[in-house]
Every structure is written in C-alpha cells, then in structure tokens.
Amino acid sequence: MRRFLAVLLCILLAGIAQTASAREQSDAPDIEIIGFSPDGRYFAYEQYGFDLAAGALDAAVFVVDRRTNKQAKGFPFGFIASELDDDGEPLRVGGHDIDLKKLQTEDGDPDLAKIRKRVREKAAKKLAVLHIGAQGRRIAGLPMTQRSTLGDKATPLKFVVWPTIPSAIPDQQLVYSIDATVKDTIEDCVNAAPPKRDVPVTFEIIAERTYPETKTVAKKEHAFPMPLAKDDCPAGIWISDIIAPPDVAGEKPVLMIVFLGTAWSSAADSARYHATFIEMPEGE
C-alpha cells in the first residue's frame, strides 16, 4: 500500500451574498483553471460571469500561495461582483486601469469576452513570474452543472489517489472522503444582521482501508476562514472536483479540491470562488 502525506488545494466556489446594495443574482460565476507552478507552490484560476438580471460582473484571476494559504502578491486581479466600489461598480482589484466603459456591447452591457481577454492580458506578466501553466490530473468530482442522479453535491466524495481498475476485487489503496461544514454561524443570522467577518469552514478528511474489511484508519480536520460581507449568512458548501497537481520530485503527492458554497442576505444571492491547501491524513 502506498503511504503518503497529501495536500489538498481546495477551490471554494462560495456563494457569498452582498451587502444591502446587492441585487438578487440568478447565476453563480463560472471558473476556468489556469494551472499550477511547476513546484506546486502556486495555483491559479479565473472567475468570470455576467448576470444580466443582477448586473453582476465577475472577471478576475486568483492565485493561491501554498506557503501562506492566501492570495499571492498582486492577486486577485480584475473585477469581483460580490464586492462593490463607491460608485456601485464591481470592485476593481489588482491595481489595473481597465476601463469597463470601453468594453461594452451595443446594448450597453459589459462585453464579458472582451473584459476577460483584457484581464488575462494584464495578468499574464504576473502569472509568468510565478511560472503558472502546469496542468493537474482530475481524480474525482461532481461538476456544478451536472443535474443527473449520480449522487448529490452534499454527499462527500470518495476517491483513491492512484488509478485503479473497477471490479469486484477489493482495492488495497486507501479510500479518502472529504466533507465540508460551516462552523460557528450566528443563530438566526439574517435577522441578527451580523458584521463583516470570517466564518470558519471545517473540512473533515477521512481515510478508509477497504481490505480485508472497511475500517477508518485516519481523520483530519482543516479550518478555512471564509470572508463574509456585512449581513451575509452562509448556506452551504458542495465539493465538486478533486485534482492532482503535477508531481514534484522529492515531495509527497498533492491534491486539489474544488467546491461550491452558498450564502444569502435578505434574498440577495451572489457567488465567489475561494481556495485553500489541506494536509491529508497519512493513514496506516
């Protein structure tokens, strides 16, 4: 049996409701994985989308630093819909000078394709400095767009790290499951009108040995502080993807997890991605 200490990079697709100026948003932004640095230290992804009903625009590049579990210097970069500036426009982050008024459709709406192109062009040098571009390997997951009956998003995903042949013969690899729950939420959150804060999200990682019998061999918890704007209340988190970054010589295997969280405030919804690295339990 392979022994290893795996680290999980968790992308949180977190629906974070806005402040009182927020409008009801019908769709979450989408995500495109840009890739990893060759040494596995950095992971980059793009968040993008335009909700016509809410006028909510997302077009931003995020880079998570494994050493700090925070955004790398200069990131996020672009525009974030879940936070508004003084003029009610999507929050401009990263110190760029992109003019949204010059990137509109004939109807006066944001031209998402052009905005994304400009954001990626402006962020290219920053990503190149970090050598971002290596792709990972998808291990398990349930896409947010999937509506078939193959399980639901609230069910913990079970997976093995190494490829295996599905059969009646018991697999001798460790089987892992990961679940995420929101901790320390305020009772009657919306009516309580809580202040801007970080809400702990706890991820429980359980390792099982399935041969000769099913047995839990290791557990580990990881807390992630999910920032919530004033009056926002978390509603749930759903894991969607587990991805292995490129192998790094001399280090143990590393995994990445993608998941969606939701929150609301007075019936105003929005969404945003987050990421965190998680150290796996080693198991027997």
C-alpha atoms as a PDB file:
ATOM      1  CA  MET A   1       0.000   0.000   0.000  1.00  0.00           C
ATOM      2  CA  ARG A   2       1.343   3.407  -0.891  1.00  0.00           C
ATOM      3  CA  ARG A   3       1.950   5.681   2.064  1.00  0.00           C
ATOM      4  CA  PHE A   4       1.889   9.393   1.567  1.00  0.00           C
ATOM      5  CA  LEU A   5       1.071  12.762   3.057  1.00  0.00           C
ATOM      6  CA  ALA A   6      -1.140  14.532   0.544  1.00  0.00           C
ATOM      7  CA  VAL A   7      -2.043  18.173   0.485  1.00  0.00           C
ATOM      8  CA  LEU A   8      -5.340  19.331  -0.924  1.00  0.00           C
ATOM      9  CA  LEU A   9      -5.807  22.642  -2.658  1.00  0.00           C
ATOM     10  CA  CYS A  10      -9.453  23.491  -2.211  1.00  0.00           C
ATOM     11  CA  ILE A  11     -11.100  25.905  -4.569  1.00  0.00           C
ATOM     12  CA  LEU A  12     -14.174  27.193  -2.855  1.00  0.00           C
ATOM     13  CA  LEU A  13     -16.925  28.188  -5.160  1.00  0.00           C
ATOM     14  CA  ALA A  14     -18.580  30.094  -2.374  1.00  0.00           C
ATOM     15  CA  GLY A  15     -21.851  31.903  -2.817  1.00  0.00           C
ATOM     16  CA  ILE A  16     -21.372  34.989  -0.696  1.00  0.00           C
ATOM     17  CA  ALA A  17     -24.336  37.308  -0.518  1.00  0.00           C
ATOM     18  CA  GLN A  18     -23.615  41.004  -0.910  1.00  0.00           C
ATOM     19  CA  THR A  19     -24.357  43.949   1.340  1.00  0.00           C
ATOM     20  CA  ALA A  20     -27.591  45.917   1.364  1.00  0.00           C
ATOM     21  CA  SER A  21     -26.810  47.256  -2.121  1.00  0.00           C
ATOM     22  CA  ALA A  22     -26.792  43.712  -3.549  1.00  0.00           C
ATOM     23  CA  ARG A  23     -29.386  42.529  -6.054  1.00  0.00           C
ATOM     24  CA  GLU A  24     -30.823  39.073  -6.466  1.00  0.00           C
ATOM     25  CA  GLN A  25     -28.392  37.075  -8.608  1.00  0.00           C
ATOM     26  CA  SER A  26     -29.698  34.075 -10.514  1.00  0.00           C
ATOM     27  CA  ASP A  27     -26.370  32.551 -11.592  1.00  0.00           C
ATOM     28  CA  ALA A  28     -23.003  31.921  -9.991  1.00  0.00           C
ATOM     29  CA  PRO A  29     -19.860  32.910 -11.897  1.00  0.00           C
ATOM     30  CA  ASP A  30     -18.016  30.240 -13.834  1.00  0.00           C
ATOM     31  CA  ILE A  31     -14.444  29.086 -13.308  1.00  0.00           C
ATOM     32  CA  GLU A  32     -11.510  28.244 -15.544  1.00  0.00           C
ATOM     33  CA  ILE A  33      -8.474  26.550 -14.073  1.00  0.00           C
ATOM     34  CA  ILE A  34      -5.314  28.241 -15.336  1.00  0.00           C
ATOM     35  CA  GLY A  35      -2.871  25.841 -13.715  1.00  0.00           C
ATOM     36  CA  PHE A  36      -0.067  25.334 -11.226  1.00  0.00           C
ATOM     37  CA  SER A  37       3.511  26.438 -10.908  1.00  0.00           C
ATOM     38  CA  PRO A  38       5.908  23.523 -11.623  1.00  0.00           C
ATOM     39  CA  ASP A  39       6.914  23.321  -7.940  1.00  0.00           C
ATOM     40  CA  GLY A  40       3.281  23.085  -6.809  1.00  0.00           C
ATOM     41  CA  ARG A  41       3.504  26.254  -4.714  1.00  0.00           C
ATOM     42  CA  TYR A  42       1.009  28.347  -6.688  1.00  0.00           C
ATOM     43  CA  PHE A  43      -2.390  27.543  -8.126  1.00  0.00           C
ATOM     44  CA  ALA A  44      -4.253  29.940 -10.433  1.00  0.00           C
ATOM     45  CA  TYR A  45      -7.844  30.086 -11.614  1.00  0.00           C
ATOM     46  CA  GLU A  46     -10.110  32.617 -13.300  1.00  0.00           C
ATOM     47  CA  GLN A  47     -13.563  33.556 -12.036  1.00  0.00           C
ATOM     48  CA  TYR A  48     -15.881  35.060 -14.640  1.00  0.00           C
ATOM     49  CA  GLY A  49     -19.520  35.695 -15.454  1.00  0.00           C
ATOM     50  CA  PHE A  50     -22.167  38.345 -16.056  1.00  0.00           C
ATOM     51  CA  ASP A  51     -25.637  38.038 -14.586  1.00  0.00           C
ATOM     52  CA  LEU A  52     -27.947  40.244 -16.644  1.00  0.00           C
ATOM     53  CA  ALA A  53     -30.709  40.221 -14.025  1.00  0.00           C
ATOM     54  CA  ALA A  54     -28.409  41.444 -11.265  1.00  0.00           C
ATOM     55  CA  GLY A  55     -25.916  43.361 -13.401  1.00  0.00           C
ATOM     56  CA  ALA A  56     -23.214  41.411 -11.558  1.00  0.00           C
ATOM     57  CA  LEU A  57     -19.864  41.180 -13.354  1.00  0.00           C
ATOM     58  CA  ASP A  58     -17.020  38.820 -12.428  1.00  0.00           C
ATOM     59  CA  ALA A  59     -13.730  38.746 -14.315  1.00  0.00           C
ATOM     60  CA  ALA A  60     -10.767  38.090 -12.049  1.00  0.00           C
ATOM     61  CA  VAL A  61      -7.678  35.914 -11.768  1.00  0.00           C
ATOM     62  CA  PHE A  62      -6.835  34.388  -8.377  1.00  0.00           C
ATOM     63  CA  VAL A  63      -3.536  32.809  -7.311  1.00  0.00           C
ATOM     64  CA  VAL A  64      -3.223  30.897  -4.035  1.00  0.00           C
ATOM     65  CA  ASP A  65       0.177  30.552  -2.374  1.00  0.00           C
ATOM     66  CA  ARG A  66       0.579  27.159  -0.711  1.00  0.00           C
ATOM     67  CA  ARG A  67       3.035  28.519   1.880  1.00  0.00           C
ATOM     68  CA  THR A  68       0.614  31.102   3.258  1.00  0.00           C
ATOM     69  CA  ASN A  69      -2.802  29.793   2.165  1.00  0.00           C
ATOM     70  CA  LYS A  70      -3.521  33.335   0.976  1.00  0.00           C
ATOM     71  CA  GLN A  71      -3.581  35.132  -2.331  1.00  0.00           C
ATOM     72  CA  ALA A  72      -0.153  35.712  -3.884  1.00  0.00           C
ATOM     73  CA  LYS A  73       1.087  39.296  -4.082  1.00  0.00           C
ATOM     74  CA  GLY A  74      -0.826  41.242  -6.723  1.00  0.00           C
ATOM     75  CA  PHE A  75      -3.843  38.917  -6.710  1.00  0.00           C
ATOM     76  CA  PRO A  76      -6.778  38.721  -7.116  1.00  0.00           C
ATOM     77  CA  PHE A  77      -6.608  40.716 -10.333  1.00  0.00           C
ATOM     78  CA  GLY A  78      -9.619  42.017 -12.238  1.00  0.00           C
ATOM     79  CA  PHE A  79     -13.210  42.687 -11.146  1.00  0.00           C
ATOM     80  CA  ILE A  80     -15.237  40.999  -8.386  1.00  0.00           C
ATOM     81  CA  ALA A  81     -19.044  41.245  -8.388  1.00  0.00           C
ATOM     82  CA  SER A  82     -19.624  40.214  -4.779  1.00  0.00           C
ATOM     83  CA  GLU A  83     -17.994  43.454  -3.619  1.00  0.00           C
ATOM     84  CA  LEU A  84     -18.890  46.919  -4.943  1.00  0.00           C
ATOM     85  CA  ASP A  85     -16.870  50.141  -5.079  1.00  0.00           C
ATOM     86  CA  ASP A  86     -18.147  53.596  -4.058  1.00  0.00           C
ATOM     87  CA  ASP A  87     -19.834  54.059  -7.445  1.00  0.00           C
ATOM     88  CA  GLY A  88     -21.682  50.743  -7.249  1.00  0.00           C
ATOM     89  CA  GLU A  89     -19.396  49.156  -9.846  1.00  0.00           C
ATOM     90  CA  PRO A  90     -17.773  45.700  -9.452  1.00  0.00           C
ATOM     91  CA  LEU A  91     -14.779  46.013  -7.159  1.00  0.00           C
ATOM     92  CA  ARG A  92     -11.546  46.645  -9.099  1.00  0.00           C
ATOM     93  CA  VAL A  93      -8.686  44.562  -7.650  1.00  0.00           C
ATOM     94  CA  GLY A  94      -5.013  44.231  -8.518  1.00  0.00           C
ATOM     95  CA  GLY A  95      -4.269  47.864  -9.332  1.00  0.00           C
ATOM     96  CA  HIS A  96      -5.044  47.781 -13.069  1.00  0.00           C
ATOM     97  CA  ASP A  97      -6.507  50.543 -15.284  1.00  0.00           C
ATOM     98  CA  ILE A  98      -9.017  48.583 -17.406  1.00  0.00           C
ATOM     99  CA  ASP A  99     -11.874  50.875 -18.466  1.00  0.00           C
ATOM    100  CA  LEU A 100     -15.185  48.973 -18.413  1.00  0.00           C
ATOM    101  CA  LYS A 101     -16.947  51.743 -20.346  1.00  0.00           C
ATOM    102  CA  LYS A 102     -14.799  50.940 -23.377  1.00  0.00           C
ATOM    103  CA  LEU A 103     -15.654  47.250 -23.173  1.00  0.00           C
ATOM    104  CA  GLN A 104     -19.420  47.180 -23.690  1.00  0.00           C
ATOM    105  CA  THR A 105     -21.812  45.532 -26.109  1.00  0.00           C
ATOM    106  CA  GLU A 106     -24.110  47.507 -28.419  1.00  0.00           C
ATOM    107  CA  ASP A 107     -26.779  47.197 -25.719  1.00  0.00           C
ATOM    108  CA  GLY A 108     -24.527  48.848 -23.149  1.00  0.00           C
ATOM    109  CA  ASP A 109     -23.870  45.668 -21.184  1.00  0.00           C
ATOM    110  CA  PRO A 110     -20.363  44.563 -20.216  1.00  0.00           C
ATOM    111  CA  ASP A 111     -18.752  42.594 -23.046  1.00  0.00           C
ATOM    112  CA  LEU A 112     -17.592  39.661 -20.949  1.00  0.00           C
ATOM    113  CA  ALA A 113     -15.418  38.122 -23.660  1.00  0.00           C
ATOM    114  CA  LYS A 114     -13.500  41.367 -24.192  1.00  0.00           C
ATOM    115  CA  ILE A 115     -13.210  42.050 -20.458  1.00  0.00           C
ATOM    116  CA  ARG A 116     -11.863  38.555 -19.796  1.00  0.00           C
ATOM    117  CA  LYS A 117      -9.348  38.978 -22.615  1.00  0.00           C
ATOM    118  CA  ARG A 118      -8.091  42.287 -21.178  1.00  0.00           C
ATOM    119  CA  VAL A 119      -7.878  40.891 -17.630  1.00  0.00           C
ATOM    120  CA  ARG A 120      -5.905  37.848 -18.795  1.00  0.00           C
ATOM    121  CA  GLU A 121      -3.594  40.041 -20.910  1.00  0.00           C
ATOM    122  CA  LYS A 122      -2.934  42.344 -17.972  1.00  0.00           C
ATOM    123  CA  ALA A 123      -2.399  39.399 -15.594  1.00  0.00           C
ATOM    124  CA  ALA A 124      -0.120  37.476 -17.989  1.00  0.00           C
ATOM    125  CA  LYS A 125       3.153  39.000 -16.780  1.00  0.00           C
ATOM    126  CA  LYS A 126       2.258  38.390 -13.148  1.00  0.00           C
ATOM    127  CA  LEU A 127       1.417  34.748 -13.911  1.00  0.00           C
ATOM    128  CA  ALA A 128       4.606  34.318 -15.939  1.00  0.00           C
ATOM    129  CA  VAL A 129       6.716  35.451 -12.993  1.00  0.00           C
ATOM    130  CA  LEU A 130       5.192  32.616 -10.952  1.00  0.00           C
ATOM    131  CA  HIS A 131       5.639  30.171 -13.869  1.00  0.00           C
ATOM    132  CA  ILE A 132       1.943  29.292 -13.846  1.00  0.00           C
ATOM    133  CA  GLY A 133       0.820  26.888 -16.554  1.00  0.00           C
ATOM    134  CA  ALA A 134       1.348  23.270 -15.489  1.00  0.00           C
ATOM    135  CA  GLN A 135      -1.904  21.294 -15.552  1.00  0.00           C
ATOM    136  CA  GLY A 136      -3.199  18.827 -12.996  1.00  0.00           C
ATOM    137  CA  ARG A 137      -4.996  15.475 -13.171  1.00  0.00           C
ATOM    138  CA  ARG A 138      -8.675  15.196 -12.222  1.00  0.00           C
ATOM    139  CA  ILE A 139      -9.221  12.420  -9.665  1.00  0.00           C
ATOM    140  CA  ALA A 140     -12.889  12.792  -8.731  1.00  0.00           C
ATOM    141  CA  GLY A 141     -15.721  15.269  -8.679  1.00  0.00           C
ATOM    142  CA  LEU A 142     -19.242  16.322  -9.462  1.00  0.00           C
ATOM    143  CA  PRO A 143     -19.474  19.344 -11.795  1.00  0.00           C
ATOM    144  CA  MET A 144     -21.702  22.196 -10.647  1.00  0.00           C
ATOM    145  CA  THR A 145     -23.587  21.995 -13.945  1.00  0.00           C
ATOM    146  CA  GLN A 146     -24.445  18.311 -13.532  1.00  0.00           C
ATOM    147  CA  ARG A 147     -28.122  17.597 -12.902  1.00  0.00           C
ATOM    148  CA  SER A 148     -28.147  13.824 -13.334  1.00  0.00           C
ATOM    149  CA  THR A 149     -28.884  11.494 -10.428  1.00  0.00           C
ATOM    150  CA  LEU A 150     -25.288  10.349  -9.853  1.00  0.00           C
ATOM    151  CA  GLY A 151     -25.312  11.448  -6.235  1.00  0.00           C
ATOM    152  CA  ASP A 152     -25.855  14.964  -4.952  1.00  0.00           C
ATOM    153  CA  LYS A 153     -23.477  17.808  -4.138  1.00  0.00           C
ATOM    154  CA  ALA A 154     -23.938  17.436  -0.390  1.00  0.00           C
ATOM    155  CA  THR A 155     -22.629  13.846  -0.398  1.00  0.00           C
ATOM    156  CA  PRO A 156     -18.916  13.544   0.494  1.00  0.00           C
ATOM    157  CA  LEU A 157     -16.837  12.390  -2.470  1.00  0.00           C
ATOM    158  CA  LYS A 158     -14.904   9.137  -2.069  1.00  0.00           C
ATOM    159  CA  PHE A 159     -11.758   8.555  -4.078  1.00  0.00           C
ATOM    160  CA  VAL A 160      -8.357   6.913  -4.321  1.00  0.00           C
ATOM    161  CA  VAL A 161      -5.289   8.859  -5.382  1.00  0.00           C
ATOM    162  CA  TRP A 162      -3.879   6.362  -7.862  1.00  0.00           C
ATOM    163  CA  PRO A 163      -5.666   4.874 -10.887  1.00  0.00           C
ATOM    164  CA  THR A 164      -7.359   1.566 -10.254  1.00  0.00           C
ATOM    165  CA  ILE A 165      -9.457  -0.985 -12.184  1.00  0.00           C
ATOM    166  CA  PRO A 166     -13.145  -1.093 -11.141  1.00  0.00           C
ATOM    167  CA  SER A 167     -14.012  -4.677 -10.267  1.00  0.00           C
ATOM    168  CA  ALA A 168     -15.323  -6.966  -7.557  1.00  0.00           C
ATOM    169  CA  ILE A 169     -11.785  -7.453  -6.259  1.00  0.00           C
ATOM    170  CA  PRO A 170     -11.226  -5.245  -3.185  1.00  0.00           C
ATOM    171  CA  ASP A 171      -8.941  -2.288  -3.807  1.00  0.00           C
ATOM    172  CA  GLN A 172      -5.976  -2.197  -1.407  1.00  0.00           C
ATOM    173  CA  GLN A 173      -5.463   1.549  -1.779  1.00  0.00           C
ATOM    174  CA  LEU A 174      -6.648   3.889   0.953  1.00  0.00           C
ATOM    175  CA  VAL A 175     -10.062   5.351   0.163  1.00  0.00           C
ATOM    176  CA  TYR A 176     -10.489   9.004   1.182  1.00  0.00           C
ATOM    177  CA  SER A 177     -13.616  11.033   1.715  1.00  0.00           C
ATOM    178  CA  ILE A 178     -13.849  14.779   2.261  1.00  0.00           C
ATOM    179  CA  ASP A 179     -16.759  16.686   3.737  1.00  0.00           C
ATOM    180  CA  ALA A 180     -17.125  20.409   4.426  1.00  0.00           C
ATOM    181  CA  THR A 181     -19.338  22.089   7.005  1.00  0.00           C
ATOM    182  CA  VAL A 182     -19.784  25.707   8.058  1.00  0.00           C
ATOM    183  CA  LYS A 183     -18.962  26.223  11.728  1.00  0.00           C
ATOM    184  CA  ASP A 184     -19.753  28.950  14.281  1.00  0.00           C
ATOM    185  CA  THR A 185     -22.612  30.510  12.344  1.00  0.00           C
ATOM    186  CA  ILE A 186     -24.805  33.081  14.077  1.00  0.00           C
ATOM    187  CA  GLU A 187     -28.226  31.777  15.043  1.00  0.00           C
ATOM    188  CA  ASP A 188     -30.977  33.483  13.037  1.00  0.00           C
ATOM    189  CA  CYS A 189     -28.154  35.035  11.041  1.00  0.00           C
ATOM    190  CA  VAL A 190     -30.077  37.341   8.689  1.00  0.00           C
ATOM    191  CA  ASN A 191     -32.330  38.834  11.349  1.00  0.00           C
ATOM    192  CA  ALA A 192     -29.287  39.258  13.603  1.00  0.00           C
ATOM    193  CA  ALA A 193     -27.558  41.468  10.965  1.00  0.00           C
ATOM    194  CA  PRO A 194     -24.024  40.247  11.755  1.00  0.00           C
ATOM    195  CA  PRO A 195     -20.955  42.404  10.995  1.00  0.00           C
ATOM    196  CA  LYS A 196     -18.386  41.720   8.282  1.00  0.00           C
ATOM    197  CA  ARG A 197     -16.432  38.687   9.454  1.00  0.00           C
ATOM    198  CA  ASP A 198     -14.618  35.429   8.683  1.00  0.00           C
ATOM    199  CA  VAL A 199     -16.748  32.310   9.060  1.00  0.00           C
ATOM    200  CA  PRO A 200     -14.815  29.070   9.737  1.00  0.00           C
ATOM    201  CA  VAL A 201     -15.423  26.288   7.250  1.00  0.00           C
ATOM    202  CA  THR A 202     -14.285  22.913   8.581  1.00  0.00           C
ATOM    203  CA  PHE A 203     -13.189  20.181   6.208  1.00  0.00           C
ATOM    204  CA  GLU A 204     -13.134  16.664   7.599  1.00  0.00           C
ATOM    205  CA  ILE A 205     -10.883  14.254   5.720  1.00  0.00           C
ATOM    206  CA  ILE A 206     -11.361  10.552   6.489  1.00  0.00           C
ATOM    207  CA  ALA A 207      -9.123   7.755   5.220  1.00  0.00           C
ATOM    208  CA  GLU A 208     -10.536   4.238   4.985  1.00  0.00           C
ATOM    209  CA  ARG A 209      -8.913   0.881   4.349  1.00  0.00           C
ATOM    210  CA  THR A 210     -11.381  -1.316   2.468  1.00  0.00           C
ATOM    211  CA  TYR A 211      -9.490  -4.622   2.543  1.00  0.00           C
ATOM    212  CA  PRO A 212      -9.879  -7.078   4.195  1.00  0.00           C
ATOM    213  CA  GLU A 213     -12.689  -5.051   5.803  1.00  0.00           C
ATOM    214  CA  THR A 214     -13.814  -1.423   5.726  1.00  0.00           C
ATOM    215  CA  LYS A 215     -12.107   0.446   8.522  1.00  0.00           C
ATOM    216  CA  THR A 216     -11.427   4.111   9.249  1.00  0.00           C
ATOM    217  CA  VAL A 217      -7.675   4.435   9.648  1.00  0.00           C
ATOM    218  CA  ALA A 218      -7.160   8.211   9.885  1.00  0.00           C
ATOM    219  CA  LYS A 219      -9.010  11.515  10.283  1.00  0.00           C
ATOM    220  CA  LYS A 220      -8.003  15.126   9.989  1.00  0.00           C
ATOM    221  CA  GLU A 221      -9.761  18.494  10.176  1.00  0.00           C
ATOM    222  CA  HIS A 222      -8.864  21.726   8.462  1.00  0.00           C
ATOM    223  CA  ALA A 223     -10.432  25.146   9.120  1.00  0.00           C
ATOM    224  CA  PHE A 224     -10.708  27.740   6.382  1.00  0.00           C
ATOM    225  CA  PRO A 225     -11.787  31.324   7.206  1.00  0.00           C
ATOM    226  CA  MET A 226     -14.332  32.295   4.549  1.00  0.00           C
ATOM    227  CA  PRO A 227     -14.756  36.101   4.491  1.00  0.00           C
ATOM    228  CA  LEU A 228     -18.359  37.273   4.535  1.00  0.00           C
ATOM    229  CA  ALA A 229     -19.585  40.794   3.941  1.00  0.00           C
ATOM    230  CA  LYS A 230     -21.802  42.580   6.456  1.00  0.00           C
ATOM    231  CA  ASP A 231     -25.221  40.909   6.930  1.00  0.00           C
ATOM    232  CA  ASP A 232     -24.235  37.833   4.851  1.00  0.00           C
ATOM    233  CA  CYS A 233     -25.170  34.365   6.065  1.00  0.00           C
ATOM    234  CA  PRO A 234     -23.530  31.125   4.845  1.00  0.00           C
ATOM    235  CA  ALA A 235     -25.913  28.496   3.484  1.00  0.00           C
ATOM    236  CA  GLY A 236     -23.800  25.517   2.419  1.00  0.00           C
ATOM    237  CA  ILE A 237     -20.776  24.116   0.640  1.00  0.00           C
ATOM    238  CA  TRP A 238     -20.573  21.415  -2.032  1.00  0.00           C
ATOM    239  CA  ILE A 239     -17.354  19.776  -3.216  1.00  0.00           C
ATOM    240  CA  SER A 240     -17.207  19.483  -6.998  1.00  0.00           C
ATOM    241  CA  ASP A 241     -13.686  18.468  -8.063  1.00  0.00           C
ATOM    242  CA  ILE A 242     -10.547  16.805  -6.764  1.00  0.00           C
ATOM    243  CA  ILE A 243      -7.433  17.386  -8.885  1.00  0.00           C
ATOM    244  CA  ALA A 244      -3.827  16.256  -8.505  1.00  0.00           C
ATOM    245  CA  PRO A 245      -1.230  18.901  -9.428  1.00  0.00           C
ATOM    246  CA  PRO A 246       1.944  17.976 -11.333  1.00  0.00           C
ATOM    247  CA  ASP A 247       4.231  15.619  -9.431  1.00  0.00           C
ATOM    248  CA  VAL A 248       7.088  17.328  -7.622  1.00  0.00           C
ATOM    249  CA  ALA A 249      10.355  15.431  -7.205  1.00  0.00           C
ATOM    250  CA  GLY A 250      11.161  14.715  -3.576  1.00  0.00           C
ATOM    251  CA  GLU A 251       7.705  15.599  -2.296  1.00  0.00           C
ATOM    252  CA  LYS A 252       4.583  13.635  -1.474  1.00  0.00           C
ATOM    253  CA  PRO A 253       1.600  13.695  -3.881  1.00  0.00           C
ATOM    254  CA  VAL A 254      -0.529  16.849  -3.789  1.00  0.00           C
ATOM    255  CA  LEU A 255      -4.261  17.107  -4.470  1.00  0.00           C
ATOM    256  CA  MET A 256      -6.623  19.964  -5.246  1.00  0.00           C
ATOM    257  CA  ILE A 257     -10.321  20.137  -4.350  1.00  0.00           C
ATOM    258  CA  VAL A 258     -12.953  22.393  -5.934  1.00  0.00           C
ATOM    259  CA  PHE A 259     -16.212  23.176  -4.195  1.00  0.00           C
ATOM    260  CA  LEU A 260     -19.231  25.468  -4.200  1.00  0.00           C
ATOM    261  CA  GLY A 261     -20.562  27.312  -1.194  1.00  0.00           C
ATOM    262  CA  THR A 262     -23.728  29.384  -0.944  1.00  0.00           C
ATOM    263  CA  ALA A 263     -24.799  32.289   1.251  1.00  0.00           C
ATOM    264  CA  TRP A 264     -27.631  34.772   1.276  1.00  0.00           C
ATOM    265  CA  SER A 265     -28.773  38.010   2.799  1.00  0.00           C
ATOM    266  CA  SER A 266     -32.394  39.191   2.612  1.00  0.00           C
ATOM    267  CA  ALA A 267     -32.935  37.100  -0.536  1.00  0.00           C
ATOM    268  CA  ALA A 268     -29.895  38.615  -2.304  1.00  0.00           C
ATOM    269  CA  ASP A 269     -27.515  35.954  -3.577  1.00  0.00           C
ATOM    270  CA  SER A 270     -24.098  36.051  -5.197  1.00  0.00           C
ATOM    271  CA  ALA A 271     -21.141  33.715  -5.565  1.00  0.00           C
ATOM    272  CA  ARG A 272     -17.371  33.702  -5.350  1.00  0.00           C
ATOM    273  CA  TYR A 273     -14.577  31.157  -5.516  1.00  0.00           C
ATOM    274  CA  HIS A 274     -12.044  30.588  -2.739  1.00  0.00           C
ATOM    275  CA  ALA A 275      -9.085  28.269  -2.305  1.00  0.00           C
ATOM    276  CA  THR A 276      -7.143  26.616   0.479  1.00  0.00           C
ATOM    277  CA  PHE A 277      -4.497  23.933   0.821  1.00  0.00           C
ATOM    278  CA  ILE A 278      -5.345  20.976   3.079  1.00  0.00           C
ATOM    279  CA  GLU A 279      -2.939  18.429   4.512  1.00  0.00           C
ATOM    280  CA  MET A 280      -4.265  14.898   4.220  1.00  0.00           C
ATOM    281  CA  PRO A 281      -4.140  12.305   6.998  1.00  0.00           C
ATOM    282  CA  GLU A 282      -1.389   9.766   6.340  1.00  0.00           C
ATOM    283  CA  GLY A 283      -3.340   6.651   7.310  1.00  0.00           C
ATOM    284  CA  GLU A 284      -1.949   3.209   8.100  1.00  0.00           C
END
